[in-house]
N, C-alpha and C. Protein backbone atom coordinates (compact mmCIF):
# COMPACT_ATOMS: atom_id res chain seq x y z
N MET A 1 0.90 -1.25 -0.30
CA MET A 1 0.09 0.08 0.29
C MET A 1 0.82 0.99 -0.19
N ALA A 2 0.54 2.31 -0.91
CA ALA A 2 1.32 3.25 -1.05
C ALA A 2 1.33 4.18 0.09
N PRO A 3 2.33 4.85 0.83
CA PRO A 3 2.02 5.96 1.82
C PRO A 3 1.10 7.26 1.51
N THR A 4 0.52 7.49 2.68
CA THR A 4 -0.24 8.62 2.37
C THR A 4 0.38 9.68 2.30
N ASN A 5 0.15 10.99 1.09
CA ASN A 5 0.78 12.21 1.52
C ASN A 5 0.12 13.17 2.41
N GLN A 6 0.45 13.28 3.44
CA GLN A 6 0.12 14.00 4.66
C GLN A 6 0.54 15.55 4.52
N PHE A 7 1.15 16.13 3.71
CA PHE A 7 2.11 17.27 3.68
C PHE A 7 1.09 18.28 4.20
N TRP A 8 0.07 18.51 3.82
CA TRP A 8 -1.09 19.59 4.15
C TRP A 8 -1.43 19.74 5.81
N SER A 9 -1.28 18.85 6.42
CA SER A 9 -1.55 18.53 7.74
C SER A 9 -0.27 18.01 8.79
N MET A 10 1.01 18.24 8.16
CA MET A 10 1.92 18.05 8.93
C MET A 10 2.73 19.32 9.31
N ARG A 11 2.36 19.71 10.68
CA ARG A 11 3.29 21.00 10.80
C ARG A 11 4.28 20.89 11.24
N ASN A 12 5.04 19.71 11.39
CA ASN A 12 6.54 19.81 11.72
C ASN A 12 7.30 20.07 10.82
N ILE A 13 6.83 19.86 9.51
CA ILE A 13 7.92 20.34 8.23
C ILE A 13 8.23 21.60 8.04
N GLU A 14 9.46 21.61 7.97
CA GLU A 14 10.07 23.26 7.89
C GLU A 14 10.83 23.23 7.03
N PRO A 15 10.97 23.95 5.60
CA PRO A 15 11.89 24.07 4.34
C PRO A 15 13.02 24.52 5.40
N LYS A 16 14.27 24.44 4.53
CA LYS A 16 15.43 24.95 4.52
C LYS A 16 14.99 26.39 4.32
N ARG A 17 15.96 27.55 4.95
CA ARG A 17 15.68 28.74 4.34
C ARG A 17 17.14 29.50 3.71
N LYS A 18 17.10 30.25 2.76
CA LYS A 18 18.51 30.54 2.22
C LYS A 18 19.00 31.64 3.03
N PHE A 19 18.19 32.15 4.50
CA PHE A 19 19.05 33.13 5.24
C PHE A 19 19.50 32.74 6.49
N ARG A 20 19.12 31.44 6.91
CA ARG A 20 19.80 30.82 8.03
C ARG A 20 21.10 30.03 7.70
N TRP A 21 21.84 30.67 7.70
CA TRP A 21 23.36 30.02 7.75
C TRP A 21 24.61 30.64 8.21
N ILE A 22 25.66 30.08 8.48
CA ILE A 22 26.70 30.93 8.87
C ILE A 22 28.04 30.38 8.37
N ALA A 23 28.99 31.73 7.88
CA ALA A 23 30.02 30.88 7.24
C ALA A 23 31.37 31.40 7.96
N THR A 24 32.28 30.55 8.15
CA THR A 24 33.36 30.67 9.06
C THR A 24 34.36 30.72 8.10
N ILE A 25 35.12 31.85 7.86
CA ILE A 25 36.45 32.09 6.94
C ILE A 25 37.74 32.43 7.81
N GLY A 26 38.76 31.78 7.28
CA GLY A 26 40.31 31.90 8.13
C GLY A 26 40.09 31.47 9.05
N ASN A 27 41.09 31.67 9.78
CA ASN A 27 41.39 30.88 11.28
C ASN A 27 41.08 31.86 12.56
N ASP A 28 40.70 31.74 13.63
CA ASP A 28 40.26 32.29 14.93
C ASP A 28 39.55 33.57 14.38
N GLN A 29 38.48 33.40 13.45
CA GLN A 29 37.25 34.40 13.42
C GLN A 29 38.03 35.90 13.08
N LYS A 30 39.12 35.87 12.11
CA LYS A 30 39.82 37.42 12.04
C LYS A 30 38.81 38.13 11.23
N LEU A 31 38.09 37.29 10.48
CA LEU A 31 37.01 37.93 9.40
C LEU A 31 35.54 37.60 10.11
N PHE A 32 34.83 38.69 10.54
CA PHE A 32 33.81 38.16 11.50
C PHE A 32 32.76 37.39 10.48
N SER A 33 31.75 36.45 11.01
CA SER A 33 31.09 35.76 10.31
C SER A 33 29.89 36.69 9.70
N TYR A 34 29.46 37.77 10.75
CA TYR A 34 28.27 38.77 10.51
C TYR A 34 28.54 39.60 9.21
N VAL A 35 29.73 39.79 8.67
CA VAL A 35 29.95 40.41 7.59
C VAL A 35 29.95 39.82 6.03
N VAL A 36 29.55 38.45 6.19
CA VAL A 36 29.60 37.95 4.87
C VAL A 36 28.09 37.37 4.73
N THR A 37 27.76 38.27 3.62
CA THR A 37 26.23 38.22 3.37
C THR A 37 25.83 37.56 2.10
N LYS A 38 26.58 36.81 1.62
CA LYS A 38 26.06 35.73 0.42
C LYS A 38 27.52 34.74 -0.03
N VAL A 39 27.24 33.73 -0.03
CA VAL A 39 27.88 32.52 -0.46
C VAL A 39 27.16 31.57 -1.20
N THR A 40 27.87 31.15 -2.34
CA THR A 40 27.72 29.78 -3.16
C THR A 40 28.24 28.60 -2.21
N LYS A 41 27.05 27.61 -2.63
CA LYS A 41 27.26 26.29 -1.99
C LYS A 41 27.91 25.39 -3.06
N PRO A 42 28.52 24.49 -2.47
CA PRO A 42 29.44 23.43 -3.67
C PRO A 42 28.53 23.23 -4.69
N GLU A 43 29.28 22.52 -5.96
CA GLU A 43 28.63 21.96 -6.83
C GLU A 43 29.92 21.33 -7.67
N TRP A 44 29.29 19.83 -7.79
CA TRP A 44 29.98 18.67 -8.00
C TRP A 44 29.70 18.43 -9.70
N THR A 45 30.54 18.35 -10.33
CA THR A 45 30.21 17.80 -11.86
C THR A 45 31.31 16.87 -11.96
N THR A 46 31.04 15.84 -13.08
CA THR A 46 31.67 15.06 -13.84
C THR A 46 31.57 15.06 -15.40
N ALA A 47 32.59 15.29 -16.31
CA ALA A 47 32.35 15.58 -17.49
C ALA A 47 31.92 14.12 -17.84
N PRO A 48 31.10 13.94 -18.82
CA PRO A 48 30.40 13.12 -19.84
C PRO A 48 31.97 12.62 -20.61
N LYS A 49 32.36 11.26 -20.98
CA LYS A 49 33.22 11.03 -22.01
C LYS A 49 32.23 9.89 -22.86
N GLU A 50 32.22 10.01 -24.17
CA GLU A 50 31.55 9.00 -25.22
C GLU A 50 32.55 8.24 -25.68
N HIS A 51 31.69 6.84 -25.76
CA HIS A 51 32.09 5.93 -26.58
C HIS A 51 31.53 5.22 -27.60
N LYS A 52 31.63 5.43 -28.94
CA LYS A 52 30.90 5.29 -30.01
C LYS A 52 31.38 3.95 -30.62
N ILE A 53 30.13 2.99 -31.09
CA ILE A 53 30.51 1.70 -31.76
C ILE A 53 28.90 1.14 -32.31
N LEU A 54 29.17 0.59 -33.57
CA LEU A 54 28.34 0.50 -34.46
C LEU A 54 27.08 1.14 -34.42
N GLY A 55 27.24 2.36 -34.48
CA GLY A 55 26.17 3.21 -34.55
C GLY A 55 25.39 3.82 -33.47
N HIS A 56 25.86 3.29 -32.31
CA HIS A 56 25.61 3.47 -31.00
C HIS A 56 26.59 4.59 -30.13
N THR A 57 25.79 5.05 -28.79
CA THR A 57 26.69 6.02 -28.22
C THR A 57 26.63 5.83 -27.01
N PHE A 58 27.70 5.10 -25.98
CA PHE A 58 27.85 5.06 -24.55
C PHE A 58 28.56 6.34 -23.98
N ASN A 59 27.68 6.43 -22.81
CA ASN A 59 28.61 7.40 -22.08
C ASN A 59 28.66 7.01 -20.65
N TYR A 60 30.47 7.63 -20.15
CA TYR A 60 30.86 7.20 -19.26
C TYR A 60 31.07 8.33 -18.35
N PRO A 61 31.22 8.33 -17.09
CA PRO A 61 31.71 9.56 -16.21
C PRO A 61 33.15 9.53 -16.24
N GLY A 62 33.77 11.08 -16.43
CA GLY A 62 34.73 11.26 -16.49
C GLY A 62 35.47 12.14 -15.36
N PRO A 63 36.64 12.85 -15.17
CA PRO A 63 37.12 13.29 -14.22
C PRO A 63 36.01 14.20 -13.40
N VAL A 64 36.06 14.57 -12.22
CA VAL A 64 35.35 15.33 -11.32
C VAL A 64 35.95 16.76 -11.10
N THR A 65 34.98 17.45 -11.12
CA THR A 65 35.52 18.75 -11.08
C THR A 65 34.37 19.79 -9.87
N TRP A 66 34.84 20.11 -9.05
CA TRP A 66 34.14 20.91 -8.01
C TRP A 66 34.37 22.67 -8.33
N ASN A 67 33.09 23.10 -8.08
CA ASN A 67 33.11 24.90 -8.50
C ASN A 67 33.85 25.53 -7.80
N GLN A 68 33.93 26.77 -8.45
CA GLN A 68 34.45 27.98 -7.51
C GLN A 68 33.11 28.37 -6.54
N VAL A 69 33.75 29.04 -5.35
CA VAL A 69 32.75 29.41 -4.41
C VAL A 69 33.03 30.94 -4.52
N GLU A 70 31.79 31.72 -4.60
CA GLU A 70 31.63 33.03 -4.83
C GLU A 70 31.08 33.23 -2.96
N LEU A 71 31.72 34.61 -2.61
CA LEU A 71 31.55 35.15 -1.34
C LEU A 71 31.42 36.48 -1.61
N THR A 72 30.47 37.23 -0.71
CA THR A 72 30.38 38.46 -0.70
C THR A 72 30.69 39.10 0.57
N PHE A 73 31.26 40.24 0.94
CA PHE A 73 31.23 40.91 2.23
C PHE A 73 30.85 41.94 2.30
N LEU A 74 30.49 42.43 3.48
CA LEU A 74 30.12 43.75 3.94
C LEU A 74 31.32 44.46 4.52
N ASP A 75 31.87 45.50 3.65
CA ASP A 75 33.28 45.92 4.28
C ASP A 75 32.80 47.28 5.48
N ILE A 76 33.73 46.79 6.51
CA ILE A 76 33.23 47.75 7.66
C ILE A 76 34.03 48.96 7.86
N ALA A 77 33.74 49.78 8.19
CA ALA A 77 34.48 51.03 8.24
C ALA A 77 35.08 51.31 9.35
N GLU A 78 36.21 50.52 9.45
CA GLU A 78 37.31 50.55 10.64
C GLU A 78 38.51 50.75 10.14
N ALA A 79 39.51 51.15 10.85
CA ALA A 79 41.07 51.54 10.13
C ALA A 79 41.79 50.35 10.40
N ASP A 80 41.20 49.21 10.96
CA ASP A 80 41.96 48.34 11.49
C ASP A 80 41.40 46.63 10.60
N ALA A 81 42.24 45.74 10.28
CA ALA A 81 41.83 44.44 9.51
C ALA A 81 40.95 43.64 10.83
N ASN A 82 41.87 43.78 12.18
CA ASN A 82 41.26 42.97 12.97
C ASN A 82 39.92 43.59 13.62
N ARG A 83 39.34 44.71 13.06
CA ARG A 83 37.90 45.44 13.57
C ARG A 83 37.12 45.40 12.33
N GLY A 84 37.18 44.67 11.32
CA GLY A 84 36.42 44.26 10.36
C GLY A 84 36.47 44.94 9.19
N ASN A 85 37.57 45.40 8.81
CA ASN A 85 37.90 45.86 7.33
C ASN A 85 38.33 45.02 6.79
N ALA A 86 37.43 44.69 6.07
CA ALA A 86 37.69 43.46 5.10
C ALA A 86 38.78 43.61 3.89
N ALA A 87 38.66 44.82 3.52
CA ALA A 87 39.70 45.20 2.37
C ALA A 87 41.29 44.85 2.88
N LEU A 88 41.58 45.44 4.33
CA LEU A 88 42.88 45.30 4.59
C LEU A 88 43.16 43.80 4.90
N PHE A 89 41.82 43.03 5.77
CA PHE A 89 42.11 41.61 5.91
C PHE A 89 42.51 40.97 4.43
N LEU A 90 42.27 41.28 3.60
CA LEU A 90 42.00 40.57 2.16
C LEU A 90 43.55 40.72 1.66
N GLN A 91 43.89 42.07 1.73
CA GLN A 91 45.50 42.63 1.62
C GLN A 91 46.17 41.79 2.31
N ASP A 92 46.25 41.28 3.53
CA ASP A 92 47.07 40.54 4.30
C ASP A 92 47.11 39.38 3.69
N VAL A 93 46.05 38.64 3.24
CA VAL A 93 45.81 37.35 2.89
C VAL A 93 46.77 37.14 1.33
N ILE A 94 46.63 38.08 0.77
CA ILE A 94 47.42 38.61 -0.50
C ILE A 94 48.74 38.46 -0.35
N TYR A 95 49.06 39.16 0.53
CA TYR A 95 50.60 39.14 0.89
C TYR A 95 51.40 37.89 1.54
N ALA A 96 50.41 37.27 2.17
CA ALA A 96 50.76 35.90 3.13
C ALA A 96 50.60 34.73 2.10
N SER A 97 50.40 34.76 0.96
CA SER A 97 50.00 34.10 -0.28
C SER A 97 51.31 33.90 -0.98
N GLY A 98 52.22 35.07 -0.78
CA GLY A 98 53.27 35.08 -1.35
C GLY A 98 53.60 36.43 -2.19
N TYR A 99 52.52 36.93 -2.39
CA TYR A 99 52.74 38.21 -3.42
C TYR A 99 53.49 39.22 -2.88
N VAL A 100 54.55 39.96 -3.42
CA VAL A 100 54.97 40.91 -2.90
C VAL A 100 55.19 41.96 -3.97
N PRO A 101 54.71 43.33 -3.67
CA PRO A 101 54.72 44.40 -5.03
C PRO A 101 56.23 44.50 -5.19
N PRO A 102 56.27 44.65 -7.09
CA PRO A 102 57.37 44.50 -7.43
C PRO A 102 58.30 45.91 -7.20
N THR A 103 58.59 46.50 -6.21
CA THR A 103 59.16 47.42 -5.85
C THR A 103 60.87 47.52 -6.19
N ASN A 104 61.39 46.29 -6.12
CA ASN A 104 62.71 46.13 -6.68
C ASN A 104 62.82 44.99 -7.14
N ILE A 105 64.09 44.68 -7.70
CA ILE A 105 64.52 43.35 -8.53
C ILE A 105 64.42 41.87 -7.52
N ASN A 106 65.06 42.43 -6.41
CA ASN A 106 65.22 41.22 -5.46
C ASN A 106 63.67 40.80 -5.16
N ASN A 107 62.55 41.69 -4.88
CA ASN A 107 61.21 41.41 -4.39
C ASN A 107 60.74 40.59 -5.68
N ALA A 108 60.78 41.11 -6.87
CA ALA A 108 60.10 40.61 -8.03
C ALA A 108 60.73 38.95 -8.36
N ALA A 109 61.70 39.02 -8.12
CA ALA A 109 62.39 37.60 -8.29
C ALA A 109 62.27 36.61 -7.52
N ALA A 110 62.13 37.06 -5.93
CA ALA A 110 62.15 36.10 -4.89
C ALA A 110 60.66 35.46 -4.43
N ALA A 111 59.71 36.43 -4.51
CA ALA A 111 58.59 36.29 -4.37
C ALA A 111 57.84 35.57 -5.05
N GLY A 112 56.46 34.68 -4.58
CA GLY A 112 55.60 34.13 -5.51
C GLY A 112 54.51 33.37 -5.01
N VAL A 113 53.25 33.40 -5.82
CA VAL A 113 52.17 32.64 -5.08
C VAL A 113 52.62 31.39 -5.10
N THR A 114 52.01 30.44 -4.11
CA THR A 114 52.55 29.01 -4.21
C THR A 114 50.76 28.43 -3.48
N LYS A 115 50.37 27.13 -3.73
CA LYS A 115 49.31 26.58 -3.15
C LYS A 115 49.45 26.42 -1.68
N ALA A 116 50.89 26.19 -1.48
CA ALA A 116 51.24 25.88 0.01
C ALA A 116 50.91 27.51 0.87
N ARG A 117 51.29 28.49 0.81
CA ARG A 117 51.19 29.71 1.09
C ARG A 117 49.86 30.03 1.11
N ALA A 118 49.30 29.86 -0.45
CA ALA A 118 47.77 30.54 -0.55
C ALA A 118 47.03 29.80 0.47
N THR A 119 47.00 28.32 0.67
CA THR A 119 45.89 27.66 1.61
C THR A 119 46.31 27.89 2.87
N SER A 120 47.39 28.04 3.20
CA SER A 120 48.05 28.73 4.74
C SER A 120 47.52 29.95 5.08
N ALA A 121 47.39 30.56 4.20
CA ALA A 121 46.87 32.13 4.53
C ALA A 121 45.51 32.43 4.62
N PHE A 122 44.85 31.76 3.76
CA PHE A 122 43.52 31.74 3.90
C PHE A 122 42.89 30.90 5.18
N GLY A 123 43.33 30.03 5.54
CA GLY A 123 42.74 29.18 6.27
C GLY A 123 41.27 28.27 5.87
N ARG A 124 40.66 28.34 6.91
CA ARG A 124 39.43 27.51 6.38
C ARG A 124 38.24 27.98 5.90
N LEU A 125 37.42 27.35 5.42
CA LEU A 125 36.18 27.82 4.72
C LEU A 125 35.16 26.81 5.02
N ASN A 126 34.28 26.96 6.06
CA ASN A 126 33.08 26.40 6.57
C ASN A 126 32.10 26.90 6.05
N ILE A 127 30.58 26.22 5.91
CA ILE A 127 28.99 26.83 5.98
C ILE A 127 28.61 26.21 6.64
N GLU A 128 27.85 26.73 7.88
CA GLU A 128 26.69 25.92 8.40
C GLU A 128 25.14 26.18 8.28
N GLN A 129 24.64 25.27 7.49
CA GLN A 129 23.11 25.65 7.16
C GLN A 129 22.27 25.27 8.35
N LEU A 130 21.43 26.32 8.81
CA LEU A 130 20.88 26.06 10.32
C LEU A 130 19.23 25.90 10.08
N ASN A 131 18.56 25.66 11.15
CA ASN A 131 17.04 25.43 11.08
C ASN A 131 16.48 26.80 11.83
N ALA A 132 15.18 26.88 12.27
CA ALA A 132 14.58 28.09 13.13
C ALA A 132 15.21 28.06 14.76
N ASP A 133 15.68 26.79 15.13
CA ASP A 133 16.29 26.45 16.32
C ASP A 133 17.65 27.09 16.63
N GLY A 134 18.14 27.24 15.48
CA GLY A 134 19.51 27.74 15.54
C GLY A 134 20.49 26.05 15.92
N ILE A 135 20.14 25.17 15.15
CA ILE A 135 20.60 23.84 15.29
C ILE A 135 21.02 23.64 13.93
N VAL A 136 22.58 23.30 13.72
CA VAL A 136 22.93 22.92 12.30
C VAL A 136 22.59 21.62 11.56
N LEU A 137 22.22 21.80 10.58
CA LEU A 137 21.45 20.80 9.85
C LEU A 137 22.45 20.05 9.26
N GLU A 138 23.36 20.78 8.34
CA GLU A 138 24.49 20.36 7.72
C GLU A 138 25.60 21.35 7.80
N LYS A 139 26.90 20.64 7.65
CA LYS A 139 27.93 21.24 7.74
C LYS A 139 28.85 21.19 6.54
N TYR A 140 29.24 22.35 5.48
CA TYR A 140 30.24 22.07 4.59
C TYR A 140 31.24 22.55 4.85
N THR A 141 32.26 21.56 4.50
CA THR A 141 33.94 22.11 4.42
C THR A 141 34.59 21.89 3.17
N PHE A 142 35.15 23.20 3.10
CA PHE A 142 36.00 23.17 1.58
C PHE A 142 37.38 22.92 1.94
N ASN A 143 37.97 22.04 1.16
CA ASN A 143 39.27 21.48 1.51
C ASN A 143 40.32 22.17 0.76
N ASN A 144 41.36 22.75 1.07
CA ASN A 144 42.37 23.46 0.44
C ASN A 144 42.02 24.60 -0.49
N PRO A 145 41.25 25.57 0.19
CA PRO A 145 40.83 27.00 -0.09
C PRO A 145 41.79 27.75 -0.34
N TRP A 146 41.84 28.52 -1.76
CA TRP A 146 42.86 29.53 -1.81
C TRP A 146 42.02 30.61 -2.90
N ILE A 147 42.46 32.05 -2.55
CA ILE A 147 41.67 33.03 -3.28
C ILE A 147 42.12 33.03 -4.76
N GLU A 148 41.32 32.99 -5.52
CA GLU A 148 41.47 32.95 -7.24
C GLU A 148 41.39 34.28 -7.91
N LYS A 149 40.48 35.18 -7.10
CA LYS A 149 39.90 36.54 -7.47
C LYS A 149 39.39 37.40 -6.17
N ILE A 150 39.53 38.74 -6.04
CA ILE A 150 39.08 39.74 -5.04
C ILE A 150 38.88 40.44 -5.84
N SER A 151 37.42 41.02 -5.87
CA SER A 151 37.06 42.73 -6.00
C SER A 151 36.81 43.42 -4.96
N PHE A 152 37.53 44.45 -4.98
CA PHE A 152 37.36 45.33 -3.75
C PHE A 152 36.52 46.32 -4.06
N GLY A 153 35.41 45.66 -4.42
CA GLY A 153 34.19 46.77 -4.06
C GLY A 153 33.64 47.42 -5.36
N GLY A 154 34.10 46.93 -6.38
CA GLY A 154 33.74 47.67 -7.60
C GLY A 154 33.95 49.17 -8.01
N GLU A 155 33.00 49.61 -8.44
CA GLU A 155 33.16 51.38 -8.48
C GLU A 155 32.42 52.24 -7.58
N LEU A 156 32.94 53.39 -7.16
CA LEU A 156 32.47 54.23 -6.27
C LEU A 156 31.74 55.29 -6.92
N ASP A 157 30.59 55.81 -6.03
CA ASP A 157 29.33 56.63 -6.72
C ASP A 157 28.81 57.69 -5.94
N TYR A 158 29.12 58.72 -6.05
CA TYR A 158 28.36 59.57 -5.35
C TYR A 158 26.77 59.70 -5.56
N SER A 159 26.19 59.08 -6.44
CA SER A 159 24.91 58.99 -6.44
C SER A 159 23.72 57.77 -5.72
N THR A 160 24.68 57.35 -4.75
CA THR A 160 24.10 56.33 -4.22
C THR A 160 24.61 56.02 -2.88
N ASP A 161 23.80 55.50 -2.10
CA ASP A 161 24.10 55.39 -0.52
C ASP A 161 24.26 53.87 -0.19
N ASP A 162 24.42 53.19 -1.44
CA ASP A 162 24.38 51.71 -0.88
C ASP A 162 25.45 51.40 -0.22
N PHE A 163 25.58 50.05 0.38
CA PHE A 163 26.92 49.35 1.44
C PHE A 163 27.85 49.27 0.37
N LEU A 164 28.99 49.35 0.79
CA LEU A 164 30.17 48.71 0.17
C LEU A 164 30.41 47.22 0.39
N ASP A 165 30.53 46.42 -0.63
CA ASP A 165 30.54 45.02 -0.79
C ASP A 165 32.04 44.61 -1.51
N LEU A 166 32.57 43.57 -1.24
CA LEU A 166 33.59 43.06 -1.96
C LEU A 166 33.45 41.65 -2.01
N THR A 167 33.56 41.14 -3.35
CA THR A 167 33.31 39.78 -3.78
C THR A 167 34.74 39.04 -4.04
N LEU A 168 34.64 37.67 -3.41
CA LEU A 168 35.50 37.05 -3.52
C LEU A 168 35.42 35.72 -3.94
N THR A 169 36.41 35.20 -5.27
CA THR A 169 36.33 33.91 -5.63
C THR A 169 37.25 33.04 -5.11
N VAL A 170 36.92 31.67 -4.64
CA VAL A 170 37.64 30.98 -4.01
C VAL A 170 37.86 29.56 -4.48
N ARG A 171 38.93 29.03 -4.86
CA ARG A 171 39.14 27.55 -5.43
C ARG A 171 39.40 26.84 -4.27
N TYR A 172 39.14 25.23 -4.57
CA TYR A 172 39.36 24.43 -3.54
C TYR A 172 39.53 23.26 -3.95
N ASP A 173 39.81 21.96 -3.41
CA ASP A 173 39.90 20.61 -3.87
C ASP A 173 38.63 20.03 -4.12
N TRP A 174 38.31 19.61 -2.87
CA TRP A 174 37.01 19.29 -2.75
C TRP A 174 36.00 19.63 -1.47
N ALA A 175 34.95 19.16 -1.15
CA ALA A 175 34.14 19.57 -0.32
C ALA A 175 33.17 18.46 0.33
N GLN A 176 33.32 18.54 1.36
CA GLN A 176 32.41 17.42 2.42
C GLN A 176 31.30 18.40 3.08
N ILE A 177 30.09 17.20 2.95
CA ILE A 177 28.82 17.43 3.85
C ILE A 177 28.72 16.61 4.97
N GLU A 178 28.84 17.17 6.04
CA GLU A 178 28.48 16.41 7.33
C GLU A 178 27.25 16.67 7.98
N LYS A 179 26.84 15.70 8.61
CA LYS A 179 25.76 16.12 9.75
C LYS A 179 25.87 17.09 10.73
N GLY A 180 25.07 18.12 10.96
CA GLY A 180 25.34 18.93 12.11
C GLY A 180 24.79 18.71 13.58
N ASP A 181 25.08 19.17 14.45
CA ASP A 181 24.72 19.27 15.78
C ASP A 181 24.04 20.63 16.37
N SER A 182 23.61 20.70 17.87
CA SER A 182 23.24 22.03 18.17
C SER A 182 24.33 23.03 18.31
N ILE A 183 23.93 24.24 17.91
CA ILE A 183 24.66 25.23 18.18
C ILE A 183 23.98 26.76 18.79
N LEU A 184 24.42 27.58 19.18
CA LEU A 184 24.08 28.90 19.75
C LEU A 184 22.49 28.75 20.39
N PRO A 185 22.60 27.60 21.56
CA PRO A 185 21.36 27.20 22.15
C PRO A 185 21.04 28.56 23.04
N PRO A 186 19.96 29.26 23.17
CA PRO A 186 19.28 30.35 23.59
C PRO A 186 19.52 30.24 25.48
N THR A 187 19.57 31.36 25.86
CA THR A 187 19.96 31.01 27.48
C THR A 187 19.23 32.47 28.19
N GLY A 188 19.22 32.60 29.29
CA GLY A 188 18.48 33.80 29.71
C GLY A 188 17.01 34.03 29.63
N LYS A 189 16.88 35.27 29.40
CA LYS A 189 15.38 35.81 29.27
C LYS A 189 14.82 35.22 27.64
N THR A 190 15.84 35.01 26.73
CA THR A 190 15.78 34.40 25.42
C THR A 190 15.10 32.86 25.58
N LYS A 191 15.72 32.19 26.23
CA LYS A 191 14.90 30.96 26.78
C LYS A 191 13.77 30.98 27.24
N GLU A 192 13.41 32.04 28.14
CA GLU A 192 12.26 31.84 28.88
C GLU A 192 11.10 32.15 27.85
N LEU A 193 11.28 33.12 26.86
CA LEU A 193 10.58 33.34 25.82
C LEU A 193 10.26 32.57 24.88
N LEU A 194 11.12 31.72 24.54
CA LEU A 194 10.99 30.47 23.61
C LEU A 194 10.25 29.45 24.32
N ASN A 195 10.36 29.06 25.62
CA ASN A 195 9.92 28.27 26.42
C ASN A 195 8.28 28.86 26.86
N SER A 196 7.89 29.89 26.45
CA SER A 196 6.55 30.25 26.90
C SER A 196 5.19 29.35 26.39
N PRO A 197 4.29 29.16 27.34
CA PRO A 197 3.33 28.48 26.60
C PRO A 197 2.43 29.04 25.80
N GLY A 198 2.32 30.57 25.84
CA GLY A 198 1.27 31.21 25.32
C GLY A 198 -0.08 30.90 25.47
N LEU A 199 -0.95 31.44 25.07
CA LEU A 199 -2.47 31.24 25.10
C LEU A 199 -3.02 29.58 25.02
N SER A 200 -2.33 29.05 24.44
CA SER A 200 -2.68 27.14 24.18
C SER A 200 -2.27 26.68 25.67
N ASN A 201 -1.49 27.16 26.21
CA ASN A 201 -0.70 26.52 27.38
C ASN A 201 0.07 25.10 26.91
N ALA A 202 0.13 25.44 25.26
CA ALA A 202 0.95 23.98 24.82
C ALA A 202 1.93 24.36 25.02
N ASN A 203 3.24 24.16 25.49
CA ASN A 203 4.39 24.54 25.57
C ASN A 203 5.47 23.22 24.49
N VAL A 204 5.92 24.16 23.78
CA VAL A 204 7.03 23.46 22.89
C VAL A 204 8.59 24.04 23.16
N PRO A 205 9.40 23.17 23.92
CA PRO A 205 10.50 23.66 24.24
C PRO A 205 11.20 23.91 23.17
N TRP A 206 12.20 24.91 23.32
CA TRP A 206 13.29 24.92 22.37
C TRP A 206 14.35 23.59 22.22
N GLY A 207 14.55 23.34 20.65
CA GLY A 207 14.76 22.39 20.14
C GLY A 207 13.95 21.04 20.21
N HIS A 208 12.61 21.16 19.99
CA HIS A 208 11.64 20.03 19.92
C HIS A 208 10.59 20.42 18.86
N THR A 209 10.20 19.58 18.12
CA THR A 209 8.95 19.68 17.38
C THR A 209 7.92 19.24 17.30
N VAL A 210 6.54 19.29 16.87
CA VAL A 210 5.46 18.66 17.15
C VAL A 210 4.96 18.03 15.80
N ASP A 211 4.53 16.69 16.10
CA ASP A 211 4.18 15.97 14.74
C ASP A 211 2.96 16.31 14.45
N ASN A 212 1.73 15.76 13.67
CA ASN A 212 0.78 15.73 13.30
C ASN A 212 -0.08 15.53 14.29
N LYS A 213 0.04 14.53 15.03
CA LYS A 213 -0.99 14.08 16.16
C LYS A 213 -0.69 14.90 17.56
N GLY A 214 0.06 16.09 17.31
CA GLY A 214 0.46 16.55 18.46
C GLY A 214 1.81 16.27 19.61
N LYS A 215 2.29 14.86 19.31
CA LYS A 215 3.38 14.71 19.95
C LYS A 215 4.48 15.33 19.95
N ILE A 216 5.30 15.79 21.13
CA ILE A 216 6.54 16.95 21.08
C ILE A 216 7.71 15.77 21.20
N SER A 217 8.54 15.69 20.29
CA SER A 217 9.87 14.97 20.46
C SER A 217 11.32 16.20 20.22
N LYS A 218 12.13 16.02 20.79
CA LYS A 218 13.56 16.47 20.39
C LYS A 218 13.90 16.32 19.23
N ASN A 219 14.55 17.38 18.61
CA ASN A 219 15.39 17.32 17.36
C ASN A 219 16.48 16.37 17.46
C-alpha cells in the first residue's frame, strides 16, 4: 500500500531557508561571520566521455570537478583589519600567499604565490546551514581553499548610499557535507520567551518539534 501524502496537515515540516546559515572564513574568526552576506554552495560536476560503436553512443563519467565558490562581504568602516576592515584583511591574505609588490628586482625575483602559502594564508572555509532553532542541519567543509579573485568593491558612486561590498572567488580541491548538531542554544530571557506556553498553554520547548498528532519530540 502506497504511503499517504500528509503534507498539508504535517506542521512539523519546515523547509530549509536561504537566510539561515553562518560562514566561517580564516582561522580564529579574524574575519567576522556577520560581514559575510552571500555565499554559493558547492557544486559537483563530472564531464561525460563518449564511446561510439556500431552506430550507438555510450556515456561514461569522466574526471570530477568542484565549482568555484563566490563570497560577498560587507566592508566595515574601520581602520584595522582585526576590527572588520575586509579590504585590509584580504590584502594581508594576498601578501601571506606569497605576493610581494615588485618595488625592486629582489622582490620581483624572490617572491611568488604557491598553493602551500595560499591555502595557509586563507585558512578554513566552512558553511553551516541552520534551522529555525539555531541547530546545524549540515556543515559544508571546503578542503584546501585559496583565493582566485578579489574584487575590492567595484565602482564608487556619489549618487548612491548603498553599502560597499567585496566579492571573493575561492578555489578548493573538494567539499564534504557532514551532519550537524546543536549550536547557539538560547539562554536567559531568550530561553524563557521561547519556552513560554502562550495562550494555548501547550509548551513546545526549544529544540523540539510537534508532529501531526501533537506529540512533542526532541530534534
